[in-house]
Amino acid sequence: MQPTVFGYTEGQVAQFGLTFGVGAFILYMLFIVLNLALEAKAGKFGTFILFLVLSLGMLGFVAKNVIQWVLGI
């Protein structure tokens, strides 16, 4: 019998944490970027640049999940 956590295998718990945990962390980071833009009074263009530059790293994670979903992997 495979060890479980609340009835889920280790692989299922890890997949859930990676998908929803990192997704929640990304939303929190976007909130931080917005807060930074508002406190710095960056304006529309400055806010756009902040979101563009500071969110590019998150784009890779989202793109990977979309590609996996489209290909059914």
C-alpha atoms as a PDB file:
ATOM      1  CA  MET A   1       0.000   0.000   0.000  1.00  0.00           C
ATOM      2  CA  GLN A   2       1.329   3.390  -0.979  1.00  0.00           C
ATOM      3  CA  PRO A   3       1.690   5.976   1.825  1.00  0.00           C
ATOM      4  CA  THR A   4      -0.850   8.769   1.553  1.00  0.00           C
ATOM      5  CA  VAL A   5      -1.531  12.224   2.955  1.00  0.00           C
ATOM      6  CA  PHE A   6      -5.276  12.711   3.552  1.00  0.00           C
ATOM      7  CA  GLY A   7      -5.928  10.029   0.942  1.00  0.00           C
ATOM      8  CA  TYR A   8      -3.684  11.551  -1.734  1.00  0.00           C
ATOM      9  CA  THR A   9      -0.368  10.170  -2.925  1.00  0.00           C
ATOM     10  CA  GLU A  10       2.820  12.184  -2.684  1.00  0.00           C
ATOM     11  CA  GLY A  11       2.742  12.869  -6.418  1.00  0.00           C
ATOM     12  CA  GLN A  12      -0.805  14.230  -6.247  1.00  0.00           C
ATOM     13  CA  VAL A  13       0.053  16.499  -3.307  1.00  0.00           C
ATOM     14  CA  ALA A  14       3.150  17.784  -5.115  1.00  0.00           C
ATOM     15  CA  GLN A  15       1.172  18.464  -8.314  1.00  0.00           C
ATOM     16  CA  PHE A  16      -1.523  20.304  -6.363  1.00  0.00           C
ATOM     17  CA  GLY A  17       1.061  22.388  -4.506  1.00  0.00           C
ATOM     18  CA  LEU A  18       2.951  23.225  -7.669  1.00  0.00           C
ATOM     19  CA  THR A  19      -0.158  24.228  -9.587  1.00  0.00           C
ATOM     20  CA  PHE A  20      -2.172  26.110  -6.979  1.00  0.00           C
ATOM     21  CA  GLY A  21       0.553  27.058  -4.494  1.00  0.00           C
ATOM     22  CA  VAL A  22       2.802  28.657  -7.077  1.00  0.00           C
ATOM     23  CA  GLY A  23      -0.239  30.184  -8.788  1.00  0.00           C
ATOM     24  CA  ALA A  24      -1.262  31.845  -5.519  1.00  0.00           C
ATOM     25  CA  PHE A  25       2.323  33.015  -5.016  1.00  0.00           C
ATOM     26  CA  ILE A  26       2.298  34.571  -8.510  1.00  0.00           C
ATOM     27  CA  LEU A  27      -0.910  36.473  -7.689  1.00  0.00           C
ATOM     28  CA  TYR A  28       0.693  37.711  -4.469  1.00  0.00           C
ATOM     29  CA  MET A  29       3.779  38.882  -6.390  1.00  0.00           C
ATOM     30  CA  LEU A  30       1.538  40.773  -8.842  1.00  0.00           C
ATOM     31  CA  PHE A  31      -0.099  42.475  -5.858  1.00  0.00           C
ATOM     32  CA  ILE A  32       3.358  43.459  -4.588  1.00  0.00           C
ATOM     33  CA  VAL A  33       4.279  44.930  -7.996  1.00  0.00           C
ATOM     34  CA  LEU A  34       1.020  46.916  -8.054  1.00  0.00           C
ATOM     35  CA  ASN A  35       1.650  48.176  -4.528  1.00  0.00           C
ATOM     36  CA  LEU A  36       5.187  49.178  -5.523  1.00  0.00           C
ATOM     37  CA  ALA A  37       3.880  51.095  -8.539  1.00  0.00           C
ATOM     38  CA  LEU A  38       1.265  52.903  -6.458  1.00  0.00           C
ATOM     39  CA  GLU A  39       3.679  53.863  -3.671  1.00  0.00           C
ATOM     40  CA  ALA A  40       6.270  55.095  -6.173  1.00  0.00           C
ATOM     41  CA  LYS A  41       3.595  57.092  -8.060  1.00  0.00           C
ATOM     42  CA  ALA A  42       4.974  55.592 -11.250  1.00  0.00           C
ATOM     43  CA  GLY A  43       2.183  56.721 -13.567  1.00  0.00           C
ATOM     44  CA  LYS A  44       0.660  54.638 -16.339  1.00  0.00           C
ATOM     45  CA  PHE A  45       3.842  54.064 -18.338  1.00  0.00           C
ATOM     46  CA  GLY A  46       5.947  53.373 -15.243  1.00  0.00           C
ATOM     47  CA  THR A  47       3.381  50.908 -13.951  1.00  0.00           C
ATOM     48  CA  PHE A  48       3.352  49.168 -17.332  1.00  0.00           C
ATOM     49  CA  ILE A  49       7.159  48.900 -17.317  1.00  0.00           C
ATOM     50  CA  LEU A  50       7.177  47.569 -13.743  1.00  0.00           C
ATOM     51  CA  PHE A  51       4.623  44.894 -14.586  1.00  0.00           C
ATOM     52  CA  LEU A  52       6.408  44.011 -17.830  1.00  0.00           C
ATOM     53  CA  VAL A  53       9.890  43.680 -16.366  1.00  0.00           C
ATOM     54  CA  LEU A  54       9.026  42.168 -12.997  1.00  0.00           C
ATOM     55  CA  SER A  55       6.458  39.728 -14.396  1.00  0.00           C
ATOM     56  CA  LEU A  56       8.476  38.195 -17.237  1.00  0.00           C
ATOM     57  CA  GLY A  57       9.775  35.438 -14.971  1.00  0.00           C
ATOM     58  CA  MET A  58       6.245  34.415 -14.060  1.00  0.00           C
ATOM     59  CA  LEU A  59       5.293  34.238 -17.733  1.00  0.00           C
ATOM     60  CA  GLY A  60       7.494  31.163 -18.227  1.00  0.00           C
ATOM     61  CA  PHE A  61       5.668  29.230 -15.507  1.00  0.00           C
ATOM     62  CA  VAL A  62       2.256  30.157 -16.908  1.00  0.00           C
ATOM     63  CA  ALA A  63       3.340  29.328 -20.477  1.00  0.00           C
ATOM     64  CA  LYS A  64       4.622  25.918 -19.361  1.00  0.00           C
ATOM     65  CA  ASN A  65       1.276  25.074 -17.764  1.00  0.00           C
ATOM     66  CA  VAL A  66      -0.677  26.260 -20.815  1.00  0.00           C
ATOM     67  CA  ILE A  67       1.525  24.198 -23.164  1.00  0.00           C
ATOM     68  CA  GLN A  68       1.098  21.120 -20.963  1.00  0.00           C
ATOM     69  CA  TRP A  69      -2.673  21.634 -20.911  1.00  0.00           C
ATOM     70  CA  VAL A  70      -2.899  22.083 -24.704  1.00  0.00           C
ATOM     71  CA  LEU A  71      -0.739  19.044 -25.436  1.00  0.00           C
ATOM     72  CA  GLY A  72      -2.419  16.945 -22.747  1.00  0.00           C
ATOM     73  CA  ILE A  73       0.833  16.090 -21.005  1.00  0.00           C
END
